[in-house]
């Protein structure tokens, strides 16, 4: 049976393992210095190394190019936390004029 660690404990141990890796000390010396049981640091270091970065979800920017007649409106996010929804079949010239006006603000 596998139990999930407390999120605060996991965060603290990730930080400690990071410090361990950067310290250049042996695991035993680092554990003594930090007052942590050697077995705990060893287990967390092993657990964190096993966890592959590829298994973590990654968020990447997506750009749609040449999407004719999209089924949903286009959404334009402005820097002032406002959004413009542009319906399919929009008037391109009108949108260009709107963008020019907004850029001038």
PDB file of N, CA and C in Angstrom:
ATOM      1  N   UNK A   1       0.836  -1.180   0.000  1.00  0.00           N
ATOM      2  CA  UNK A   1       0.000   0.000   0.000  1.00  0.00           C
ATOM      3  C   UNK A   1       0.881   1.243   0.000  1.00  0.00           C
ATOM      4  N   UNK A   2       0.664   2.126  -0.936  1.00  0.00           N
ATOM      5  CA  UNK A   2       1.455   3.343  -1.051  1.00  0.00           C
ATOM      6  C   UNK A   2       0.663   4.507  -0.482  1.00  0.00           C
ATOM      7  N   UNK A   3       1.284   5.265   0.404  1.00  0.00           N
ATOM      8  CA  UNK A   3       0.618   6.442   0.952  1.00  0.00           C
ATOM      9  C   UNK A   3       1.282   7.682   0.389  1.00  0.00           C
ATOM     10  N   UNK A   4       0.477   8.689   0.147  1.00  0.00           N
ATOM     11  CA  UNK A   4       1.013   9.949  -0.364  1.00  0.00           C
ATOM     12  C   UNK A   4       1.486  10.793   0.806  1.00  0.00           C
ATOM     13  N   UNK A   5       2.661  11.422   0.650  1.00  0.00           N
ATOM     14  CA  UNK A   5       3.162  12.258   1.737  1.00  0.00           C
ATOM     15  C   UNK A   5       2.387  13.562   1.828  1.00  0.00           C
ATOM     16  N   UNK A   6       2.442  14.146   2.989  1.00  0.00           N
ATOM     17  CA  UNK A   6       1.874  15.464   3.210  1.00  0.00           C
ATOM     18  C   UNK A   6       2.529  16.431   2.223  1.00  0.00           C
ATOM     19  N   UNK A   7       1.768  17.302   1.549  1.00  0.00           N
ATOM     20  CA  UNK A   7       2.361  18.221   0.564  1.00  0.00           C
ATOM     21  C   UNK A   7       3.464  19.106   1.159  1.00  0.00           C
ATOM     22  N   UNK A   8       3.299  19.527   2.407  1.00  0.00           N
ATOM     23  CA  UNK A   8       4.335  20.354   3.038  1.00  0.00           C
ATOM     24  C   UNK A   8       5.612  19.551   3.248  1.00  0.00           C
ATOM     25  N   UNK A   9       5.463  18.286   3.646  1.00  0.00           N
ATOM     26  CA  UNK A   9       6.621  17.415   3.832  1.00  0.00           C
ATOM     27  C   UNK A   9       7.317  17.187   2.498  1.00  0.00           C
ATOM     28  N   UNK A  10       6.546  16.915   1.462  1.00  0.00           N
ATOM     29  CA  UNK A  10       7.120  16.676   0.138  1.00  0.00           C
ATOM     30  C   UNK A  10       7.877  17.909  -0.347  1.00  0.00           C
ATOM     31  N   UNK A  11       7.308  19.074  -0.149  1.00  0.00           N
ATOM     32  CA  UNK A  11       7.964  20.317  -0.571  1.00  0.00           C
ATOM     33  C   UNK A  11       9.279  20.512   0.181  1.00  0.00           C
ATOM     34  N   UNK A  12       9.243  20.277   1.494  1.00  0.00           N
ATOM     35  CA  UNK A  12      10.443  20.439   2.312  1.00  0.00           C
ATOM     36  C   UNK A  12      11.525  19.447   1.908  1.00  0.00           C
ATOM     37  N   UNK A  13      11.125  18.210   1.645  1.00  0.00           N
ATOM     38  CA  UNK A  13      12.110  17.194   1.283  1.00  0.00           C
ATOM     39  C   UNK A  13      12.683  17.449  -0.107  1.00  0.00           C
ATOM     40  N   UNK A  14      11.859  17.944  -1.052  1.00  0.00           N
ATOM     41  CA  UNK A  14      12.387  18.313  -2.371  1.00  0.00           C
ATOM     42  C   UNK A  14      13.453  19.401  -2.228  1.00  0.00           C
ATOM     43  N   UNK A  15      13.181  20.374  -1.364  1.00  0.00           N
ATOM     44  CA  UNK A  15      14.147  21.449  -1.139  1.00  0.00           C
ATOM     45  C   UNK A  15      15.428  20.892  -0.517  1.00  0.00           C
ATOM     46  N   UNK A  16      15.287  19.998   0.472  1.00  0.00           N
ATOM     47  CA  UNK A  16      16.466  19.402   1.104  1.00  0.00           C
ATOM     48  C   UNK A  16      17.290  18.588   0.118  1.00  0.00           C
ATOM     49  N   UNK A  17      16.616  17.794  -0.714  1.00  0.00           N
ATOM     50  CA  UNK A  17      17.340  16.984  -1.700  1.00  0.00           C
ATOM     51  C   UNK A  17      18.052  17.900  -2.694  1.00  0.00           C
ATOM     52  N   UNK A  18      17.420  19.004  -3.063  1.00  0.00           N
ATOM     53  CA  UNK A  18      18.071  19.979  -3.939  1.00  0.00           C
ATOM     54  C   UNK A  18      19.317  20.560  -3.286  1.00  0.00           C
ATOM     55  N   UNK A  19      19.209  20.902  -1.992  1.00  0.00           N
ATOM     56  CA  UNK A  19      20.370  21.411  -1.261  1.00  0.00           C
ATOM     57  C   UNK A  19      21.469  20.356  -1.191  1.00  0.00           C
ATOM     58  N   UNK A  20      21.067  19.116  -0.957  1.00  0.00           N
ATOM     59  CA  UNK A  20      22.030  18.016  -0.901  1.00  0.00           C
ATOM     60  C   UNK A  20      22.808  17.920  -2.203  1.00  0.00           C
ATOM     61  N   UNK A  21      22.094  17.948  -3.323  1.00  0.00           N
ATOM     62  CA  UNK A  21      22.740  17.821  -4.638  1.00  0.00           C
ATOM     63  C   UNK A  21      23.717  18.964  -4.885  1.00  0.00           C
ATOM     64  N   UNK A  22      23.373  20.164  -4.429  1.00  0.00           N
ATOM     65  CA  UNK A  22      24.229  21.328  -4.654  1.00  0.00           C
ATOM     66  C   UNK A  22      25.376  21.422  -3.658  1.00  0.00           C
ATOM     67  N   UNK A  23      25.249  20.741  -2.517  1.00  0.00           N
ATOM     68  CA  UNK A  23      26.227  20.888  -1.438  1.00  0.00           C
ATOM     69  C   UNK A  23      27.577  20.239  -1.727  1.00  0.00           C
ATOM     70  N   UNK A  24      27.582  19.163  -2.493  1.00  0.00           N
ATOM     71  CA  UNK A  24      28.823  18.433  -2.729  1.00  0.00           C
ATOM     72  C   UNK A  24      29.178  17.511  -1.577  1.00  0.00           C
ATOM     73  N   UNK A  25      28.376  17.492  -0.533  1.00  0.00           N
ATOM     74  CA  UNK A  25      28.619  16.623   0.620  1.00  0.00           C
ATOM     75  C   UNK A  25      28.070  15.236   0.351  1.00  0.00           C
ATOM     76  N   UNK A  26      28.558  14.289   1.122  1.00  0.00           N
ATOM     77  CA  UNK A  26      27.965  12.956   1.055  1.00  0.00           C
ATOM     78  C   UNK A  26      26.583  13.037   1.685  1.00  0.00           C
ATOM     79  N   UNK A  27      25.752  12.076   1.360  1.00  0.00           N
ATOM     80  CA  UNK A  27      24.409  12.053   1.912  1.00  0.00           C
ATOM     81  C   UNK A  27      24.469  11.973   3.435  1.00  0.00           C
ATOM     82  N   UNK A  28      25.342  11.141   3.973  1.00  0.00           N
ATOM     83  CA  UNK A  28      25.448  10.974   5.425  1.00  0.00           C
ATOM     84  C   UNK A  28      25.883  12.277   6.100  1.00  0.00           C
ATOM     85  N   UNK A  29      26.894  12.961   5.528  1.00  0.00           N
ATOM     86  CA  UNK A  29      27.367  14.217   6.116  1.00  0.00           C
ATOM     87  C   UNK A  29      26.284  15.293   6.057  1.00  0.00           C
ATOM     88  N   UNK A  30      25.581  15.357   4.927  1.00  0.00           N
ATOM     89  CA  UNK A  30      24.508  16.344   4.782  1.00  0.00           C
ATOM     90  C   UNK A  30      23.380  16.058   5.777  1.00  0.00           C
ATOM     91  N   UNK A  31      23.014  14.797   5.925  1.00  0.00           N
ATOM     92  CA  UNK A  31      21.947  14.412   6.857  1.00  0.00           C
ATOM     93  C   UNK A  31      22.320  14.800   8.284  1.00  0.00           C
ATOM     94  N   UNK A  32      23.574  14.537   8.675  1.00  0.00           N
ATOM     95  CA  UNK A  32      24.021  14.917  10.027  1.00  0.00           C
ATOM     96  C   UNK A  32      23.937  16.432  10.206  1.00  0.00           C
ATOM     97  N   UNK A  33      24.399  17.167   9.198  1.00  0.00           N
ATOM     98  CA  UNK A  33      24.401  18.622   9.274  1.00  0.00           C
ATOM     99  C   UNK A  33      22.977  19.168   9.439  1.00  0.00           C
ATOM    100  N   UNK A  34      22.012  18.562   8.744  1.00  0.00           N
ATOM    101  CA  UNK A  34      20.624  19.044   8.771  1.00  0.00           C
ATOM    102  C   UNK A  34      19.793  18.396   9.878  1.00  0.00           C
ATOM    103  N   UNK A  35      20.358  17.398  10.568  1.00  0.00           N
ATOM    104  CA  UNK A  35      19.600  16.723  11.623  1.00  0.00           C
ATOM    105  C   UNK A  35      18.501  15.824  11.091  1.00  0.00           C
ATOM    106  N   UNK A  36      18.682  15.314   9.899  1.00  0.00           N
ATOM    107  CA  UNK A  36      17.698  14.418   9.266  1.00  0.00           C
ATOM    108  C   UNK A  36      18.233  12.992   9.286  1.00  0.00           C
ATOM    109  N   UNK A  37      17.349  12.006   9.438  1.00  0.00           N
ATOM    110  CA  UNK A  37      17.801  10.621   9.324  1.00  0.00           C
ATOM    111  C   UNK A  37      18.318  10.349   7.909  1.00  0.00           C
ATOM    112  N   UNK A  38      19.428   9.660   7.824  1.00  0.00           N
ATOM    113  CA  UNK A  38      20.040   9.338   6.536  1.00  0.00           C
ATOM    114  C   UNK A  38      19.061   8.589   5.647  1.00  0.00           C
ATOM    115  N   UNK A  39      18.340   7.627   6.229  1.00  0.00           N
ATOM    116  CA  UNK A  39      17.419   6.804   5.445  1.00  0.00           C
ATOM    117  C   UNK A  39      16.326   7.654   4.809  1.00  0.00           C
ATOM    118  N   UNK A  40      15.890   8.716   5.496  1.00  0.00           N
ATOM    119  CA  UNK A  40      14.815   9.556   4.945  1.00  0.00           C
ATOM    120  C   UNK A  40      15.320  10.315   3.711  1.00  0.00           C
ATOM    121  N   UNK A  41      16.498  10.919   3.823  1.00  0.00           N
ATOM    122  CA  UNK A  41      17.062  11.632   2.668  1.00  0.00           C
ATOM    123  C   UNK A  41      17.352  10.677   1.517  1.00  0.00           C
ATOM    124  N   UNK A  42      17.873   9.509   1.845  1.00  0.00           N
ATOM    125  CA  UNK A  42      18.154   8.531   0.804  1.00  0.00           C
ATOM    126  C   UNK A  42      16.865   8.155   0.066  1.00  0.00           C
ATOM    127  N   UNK A  43      15.807   7.867   0.834  1.00  0.00           N
ATOM    128  CA  UNK A  43      14.524   7.482   0.228  1.00  0.00           C
ATOM    129  C   UNK A  43      13.936   8.585  -0.636  1.00  0.00           C
ATOM    130  N   UNK A  44      13.983   9.829  -0.154  1.00  0.00           N
ATOM    131  CA  UNK A  44      13.427  10.935  -0.934  1.00  0.00           C
ATOM    132  C   UNK A  44      14.258  11.213  -2.179  1.00  0.00           C
ATOM    133  N   UNK A  45      15.589  11.126  -2.043  1.00  0.00           N
ATOM    134  CA  UNK A  45      16.428  11.341  -3.226  1.00  0.00           C
ATOM    135  C   UNK A  45      16.126  10.286  -4.276  1.00  0.00           C
ATOM    136  N   UNK A  46      15.970   9.061  -3.842  1.00  0.00           N
ATOM    137  CA  UNK A  46      15.657   7.966  -4.772  1.00  0.00           C
ATOM    138  C   UNK A  46      14.279   8.180  -5.413  1.00  0.00           C
ATOM    139  N   UNK A  47      13.309   8.541  -4.593  1.00  0.00           N
ATOM    140  CA  UNK A  47      11.950   8.777  -5.090  1.00  0.00           C
ATOM    141  C   UNK A  47      11.930   9.894  -6.129  1.00  0.00           C
ATOM    142  N   UNK A  48      12.640  10.974  -5.855  1.00  0.00           N
ATOM    143  CA  UNK A  48      12.633  12.119  -6.769  1.00  0.00           C
ATOM    144  C   UNK A  48      13.409  11.840  -8.054  1.00  0.00           C
ATOM    145  N   UNK A  49      14.468  11.039  -7.987  1.00  0.00           N
ATOM    146  CA  UNK A  49      15.206  10.685  -9.197  1.00  0.00           C
ATOM    147  C   UNK A  49      14.408   9.745 -10.077  1.00  0.00           C
ATOM    148  N   UNK A  50      13.606   8.896  -9.458  1.00  0.00           N
ATOM    149  CA  UNK A  50      12.767   7.959 -10.227  1.00  0.00           C
ATOM    150  C   UNK A  50      11.696   8.685 -10.999  1.00  0.00           C
ATOM    151  N   UNK A  51      11.213   9.770 -10.444  1.00  0.00           N
ATOM    152  CA  UNK A  51      10.126  10.518 -11.075  1.00  0.00           C
ATOM    153  C   UNK A  51      10.672  11.214 -12.311  1.00  0.00           C
ATOM    154  N   UNK A  52      10.233  10.768 -13.448  1.00  0.00           N
ATOM    155  CA  UNK A  52      10.739  11.292 -14.713  1.00  0.00           C
ATOM    156  C   UNK A  52      10.073  12.620 -15.042  1.00  0.00           C
ATOM    157  N   UNK A  53      10.852  13.605 -15.506  1.00  0.00           N
ATOM    158  CA  UNK A  53      10.238  14.870 -15.930  1.00  0.00           C
ATOM    159  C   UNK A  53       9.232  14.674 -17.054  1.00  0.00           C
ATOM    160  N   UNK A  54       9.416  13.620 -17.854  1.00  0.00           N
ATOM    161  CA  UNK A  54       8.487  13.360 -18.952  1.00  0.00           C
ATOM    162  C   UNK A  54       7.106  12.965 -18.437  1.00  0.00           C
ATOM    163  N   UNK A  55       7.035  12.488 -17.184  1.00  0.00           N
ATOM    164  CA  UNK A  55       5.742  12.083 -16.654  1.00  0.00           C
ATOM    165  C   UNK A  55       4.946  13.273 -16.127  1.00  0.00           C
ATOM    166  N   UNK A  56       5.599  14.403 -15.971  1.00  0.00           N
ATOM    167  CA  UNK A  56       4.914  15.605 -15.505  1.00  0.00           C
ATOM    168  C   UNK A  56       4.160  16.253 -16.659  1.00  0.00           C
ATOM    169  N   UNK A  57       2.960  16.759 -16.412  1.00  0.00           N
ATOM    170  CA  UNK A  57       2.260  17.452 -17.486  1.00  0.00           C
ATOM    171  C   UNK A  57       2.989  18.749 -17.821  1.00  0.00           C
ATOM    172  N   UNK A  58       3.087  19.023 -19.090  1.00  0.00           N
ATOM    173  CA  UNK A  58       3.762  20.243 -19.529  1.00  0.00           C
ATOM    174  C   UNK A  58       2.760  21.125 -20.258  1.00  0.00           C
ATOM    175  N   UNK A  59       2.823  22.394 -19.975  1.00  0.00           N
ATOM    176  CA  UNK A  59       1.974  23.348 -20.660  1.00  0.00           C
ATOM    177  C   UNK A  59       2.853  24.108 -21.635  1.00  0.00           C
ATOM    178  N   UNK A  60       2.449  24.119 -22.871  1.00  0.00           N
ATOM    179  CA  UNK A  60       3.224  24.796 -23.901  1.00  0.00           C
ATOM    180  C   UNK A  60       2.307  25.720 -24.671  1.00  0.00           C
ATOM    181  N   UNK A  61       2.864  26.835 -25.166  1.00  0.00           N
ATOM    182  CA  UNK A  61       2.024  27.718 -25.965  1.00  0.00           C
ATOM    183  C   UNK A  61       1.624  27.043 -27.273  1.00  0.00           C
ATOM    184  N   UNK A  62       0.415  27.307 -27.687  1.00  0.00           N
ATOM    185  CA  UNK A  62      -0.103  26.722 -28.928  1.00  0.00           C
ATOM    186  C   UNK A  62      -0.544  27.862 -29.821  1.00  0.00           C
ATOM    187  N   UNK A  63      -0.197  27.765 -31.077  1.00  0.00           N
ATOM    188  CA  UNK A  63      -0.605  28.788 -32.047  1.00  0.00           C
ATOM    189  C   UNK A  63      -1.275  28.086 -33.215  1.00  0.00           C
ATOM    190  N   UNK A  64      -2.486  28.487 -33.533  1.00  0.00           N
ATOM    191  CA  UNK A  64      -3.210  27.896 -34.652  1.00  0.00           C
ATOM    192  C   UNK A  64      -2.972  28.765 -35.872  1.00  0.00           C
ATOM    193  N   UNK A  65      -2.532  28.144 -36.937  1.00  0.00           N
ATOM    194  CA  UNK A  65      -2.242  28.865 -38.173  1.00  0.00           C
ATOM    195  C   UNK A  65      -3.158  28.332 -39.271  1.00  0.00           C
ATOM    196  N   UNK A  66      -3.734  29.240 -40.058  1.00  0.00           N
ATOM    197  CA  UNK A  66      -4.602  28.866 -41.175  1.00  0.00           C
ATOM    198  C   UNK A  66      -5.700  27.884 -40.772  1.00  0.00           C
ATOM    199  N   UNK A  67      -6.519  28.299 -39.833  1.00  0.00           N
ATOM    200  CA  UNK A  67      -7.639  27.471 -39.426  1.00  0.00           C
ATOM    201  C   UNK A  67      -8.900  28.057 -40.056  1.00  0.00           C
ATOM    202  N   UNK A  68      -9.293  27.573 -41.240  1.00  0.00           N
ATOM    203  CA  UNK A  68     -10.464  28.149 -41.910  1.00  0.00           C
ATOM    204  C   UNK A  68     -11.754  27.810 -41.165  1.00  0.00           C
ATOM    205  N   UNK A  69     -12.590  28.812 -41.009  1.00  0.00           N
ATOM    206  CA  UNK A  69     -13.897  28.648 -40.370  1.00  0.00           C
ATOM    207  C   UNK A  69     -13.824  27.859 -39.066  1.00  0.00           C
ATOM    208  N   UNK A  70     -13.149  28.376 -38.069  1.00  0.00           N
ATOM    209  CA  UNK A  70     -13.102  27.638 -36.808  1.00  0.00           C
ATOM    210  C   UNK A  70     -14.501  27.535 -36.218  1.00  0.00           C
ATOM    211  N   UNK A  71     -14.817  26.421 -35.568  1.00  0.00           N
ATOM    212  CA  UNK A  71     -16.149  26.237 -35.021  1.00  0.00           C
ATOM    213  C   UNK A  71     -16.455  27.161 -33.848  1.00  0.00           C
ATOM    214  N   UNK A  72     -15.436  27.618 -33.143  1.00  0.00           N
ATOM    215  CA  UNK A  72     -15.641  28.494 -31.994  1.00  0.00           C
ATOM    216  C   UNK A  72     -15.085  29.868 -32.321  1.00  0.00           C
ATOM    217  N   UNK A  73     -15.521  30.886 -31.604  1.00  0.00           N
ATOM    218  CA  UNK A  73     -14.984  32.215 -31.865  1.00  0.00           C
ATOM    219  C   UNK A  73     -13.503  32.273 -31.508  1.00  0.00           C
ATOM    220  N   UNK A  74     -12.777  33.159 -32.173  1.00  0.00           N
ATOM    221  CA  UNK A  74     -11.390  33.420 -31.799  1.00  0.00           C
ATOM    222  C   UNK A  74     -11.416  34.266 -30.550  1.00  0.00           C
ATOM    223  N   UNK A  75     -10.465  34.072 -29.679  1.00  0.00           N
ATOM    224  CA  UNK A  75     -10.393  34.861 -28.454  1.00  0.00           C
ATOM    225  C   UNK A  75      -9.085  35.625 -28.454  1.00  0.00           C
ATOM    226  N   UNK A  76      -9.183  36.936 -28.336  1.00  0.00           N
ATOM    227  CA  UNK A  76      -7.995  37.783 -28.292  1.00  0.00           C
ATOM    228  C   UNK A  76      -7.881  38.305 -26.871  1.00  0.00           C
ATOM    229  N   UNK A  77      -6.760  37.984 -26.232  1.00  0.00           N
ATOM    230  CA  UNK A  77      -6.547  38.434 -24.861  1.00  0.00           C
ATOM    231  C   UNK A  77      -5.682  39.683 -24.884  1.00  0.00           C
ATOM    232  N   UNK A  78      -6.211  40.751 -24.285  1.00  0.00           N
ATOM    233  CA  UNK A  78      -5.488  42.010 -24.222  1.00  0.00           C
ATOM    234  C   UNK A  78      -4.688  42.057 -22.928  1.00  0.00           C
ATOM    235  N   UNK A  79      -3.678  42.892 -22.883  1.00  0.00           N
ATOM    236  CA  UNK A  79      -2.828  42.987 -21.706  1.00  0.00           C
ATOM    237  C   UNK A  79      -3.532  43.507 -20.473  1.00  0.00           C
ATOM    238  N   UNK A  80      -4.669  44.138 -20.612  1.00  0.00           N
ATOM    239  CA  UNK A  80      -5.376  44.727 -19.477  1.00  0.00           C
ATOM    240  C   UNK A  80      -6.433  43.778 -18.909  1.00  0.00           C
ATOM    241  N   UNK A  81      -6.215  42.493 -19.021  1.00  0.00           N
ATOM    242  CA  UNK A  81      -7.106  41.451 -18.522  1.00  0.00           C
ATOM    243  C   UNK A  81      -8.502  41.530 -19.137  1.00  0.00           C
ATOM    244  N   UNK A  82      -8.543  41.913 -20.389  1.00  0.00           N
ATOM    245  CA  UNK A  82      -9.797  41.926 -21.140  1.00  0.00           C
ATOM    246  C   UNK A  82      -9.638  41.030 -22.344  1.00  0.00           C
ATOM    247  N   UNK A  83     -10.770  40.496 -22.792  1.00  0.00           N
ATOM    248  CA  UNK A  83     -10.747  39.598 -23.944  1.00  0.00           C
ATOM    249  C   UNK A  83     -11.776  40.039 -24.964  1.00  0.00           C
ATOM    250  N   UNK A  84     -11.440  39.794 -26.213  1.00  0.00           N
ATOM    251  CA  UNK A  84     -12.373  40.065 -27.310  1.00  0.00           C
ATOM    252  C   UNK A  84     -12.669  38.732 -27.973  1.00  0.00           C
ATOM    253  N   UNK A  85     -13.947  38.423 -28.131  1.00  0.00           N
ATOM    254  CA  UNK A  85     -14.351  37.217 -28.845  1.00  0.00           C
ATOM    255  C   UNK A  85     -14.726  37.611 -30.263  1.00  0.00           C
ATOM    256  N   UNK A  86     -14.089  36.971 -31.217  1.00  0.00           N
ATOM    257  CA  UNK A  86     -14.322  37.275 -32.627  1.00  0.00           C
ATOM    258  C   UNK A  86     -15.035  36.069 -33.238  1.00  0.00           C
ATOM    259  N   UNK A  87     -16.265  36.243 -33.712  1.00  0.00           N
ATOM    260  CA  UNK A  87     -17.025  35.102 -34.222  1.00  0.00           C
ATOM    261  C   UNK A  87     -16.478  34.604 -35.560  1.00  0.00           C
ATOM    262  N   UNK A  88     -16.768  33.351 -35.890  1.00  0.00           N
ATOM    263  CA  UNK A  88     -16.378  32.839 -37.213  1.00  0.00           C
ATOM    264  C   UNK A  88     -17.009  33.711 -38.305  1.00  0.00           C
ATOM    265  N   UNK A  89     -16.293  33.883 -39.399  1.00  0.00           N
ATOM    266  CA  UNK A  89     -16.813  34.674 -40.508  1.00  0.00           C
ATOM    267  C   UNK A  89     -16.730  36.168 -40.258  1.00  0.00           C
ATOM    268  N   UNK A  90     -15.832  36.600 -39.363  1.00  0.00           N
ATOM    269  CA  UNK A  90     -15.713  38.014 -39.024  1.00  0.00           C
ATOM    270  C   UNK A  90     -15.218  38.825 -40.222  1.00  0.00           C
ATOM    271  N   UNK A  91     -15.445  40.125 -40.145  1.00  0.00           N
ATOM    272  CA  UNK A  91     -14.982  41.060 -41.173  1.00  0.00           C
ATOM    273  C   UNK A  91     -13.532  41.414 -40.847  1.00  0.00           C
ATOM    274  N   UNK A  92     -12.615  40.953 -41.681  1.00  0.00           N
ATOM    275  CA  UNK A  92     -11.185  41.121 -41.412  1.00  0.00           C
ATOM    276  C   UNK A  92     -10.790  42.598 -41.342  1.00  0.00           C
ATOM    277  N   UNK A  93     -11.319  43.420 -42.224  1.00  0.00           N
ATOM    278  CA  UNK A  93     -10.981  44.848 -42.241  1.00  0.00           C
ATOM    279  C   UNK A  93     -11.443  45.519 -40.941  1.00  0.00           C
ATOM    280  N   UNK A  94     -12.633  45.153 -40.477  1.00  0.00           N
ATOM    281  CA  UNK A  94     -13.144  45.730 -39.230  1.00  0.00           C
ATOM    282  C   UNK A  94     -12.273  45.315 -38.044  1.00  0.00           C
ATOM    283  N   UNK A  95     -11.823  44.077 -38.029  1.00  0.00           N
ATOM    284  CA  UNK A  95     -10.965  43.607 -36.943  1.00  0.00           C
ATOM    285  C   UNK A  95      -9.626  44.346 -36.973  1.00  0.00           C
ATOM    286  N   UNK A  96      -9.084  44.560 -38.174  1.00  0.00           N
ATOM    287  CA  UNK A  96      -7.824  45.299 -38.288  1.00  0.00           C
ATOM    288  C   UNK A  96      -7.976  46.724 -37.753  1.00  0.00           C
ATOM    289  N   UNK A  97      -9.107  47.363 -38.076  1.00  0.00           N
ATOM    290  CA  UNK A  97      -9.348  48.716 -37.568  1.00  0.00           C
ATOM    291  C   UNK A  97      -9.447  48.702 -36.042  1.00  0.00           C
ATOM    292  N   UNK A  98     -10.138  47.718 -35.497  1.00  0.00           N
ATOM    293  CA  UNK A  98     -10.297  47.596 -34.044  1.00  0.00           C
ATOM    294  C   UNK A  98      -8.935  47.406 -33.371  1.00  0.00           C
ATOM    295  N   UNK A  99      -8.110  46.556 -33.945  1.00  0.00           N
ATOM    296  CA  UNK A  99      -6.771  46.318 -33.368  1.00  0.00           C
ATOM    297  C   UNK A  99      -5.949  47.590 -33.391  1.00  0.00           C
ATOM    298  N   UNK A 100      -6.007  48.346 -34.484  1.00  0.00           N
ATOM    299  CA  UNK A 100      -5.258  49.606 -34.565  1.00  0.00           C
ATOM    300  C   UNK A 100      -5.730  50.581 -33.478  1.00  0.00           C
ATOM    301  N   UNK A 101      -7.029  50.672 -33.283  1.00  0.00           N
ATOM    302  CA  UNK A 101      -7.574  51.575 -32.260  1.00  0.00           C
ATOM    303  C   UNK A 101      -7.098  51.135 -30.872  1.00  0.00           C
ATOM    304  N   UNK A 102      -7.143  49.825 -30.613  1.00  0.00           N
ATOM    305  CA  UNK A 102      -6.732  49.331 -29.296  1.00  0.00           C
ATOM    306  C   UNK A 102      -5.243  49.536 -29.057  1.00  0.00           C
ATOM    307  N   UNK A 103      -4.436  49.372 -30.097  1.00  0.00           N
ATOM    308  CA  UNK A 103      -2.989  49.587 -29.958  1.00  0.00           C
ATOM    309  C   UNK A 103      -2.660  51.030 -29.635  1.00  0.00           C
ATOM    310  N   UNK A 104      -3.511  51.965 -30.087  1.00  0.00           N
ATOM    311  CA  UNK A 104      -3.291  53.382 -29.854  1.00  0.00           C
ATOM    312  C   UNK A 104      -3.602  53.790 -28.407  1.00  0.00           C
ATOM    313  N   UNK A 105      -4.331  52.957 -27.701  1.00  0.00           N
ATOM    314  CA  UNK A 105      -4.727  53.302 -26.313  1.00  0.00           C
ATOM    315  C   UNK A 105      -3.573  53.172 -25.354  1.00  0.00           C
TER     316      UNK A 105
END
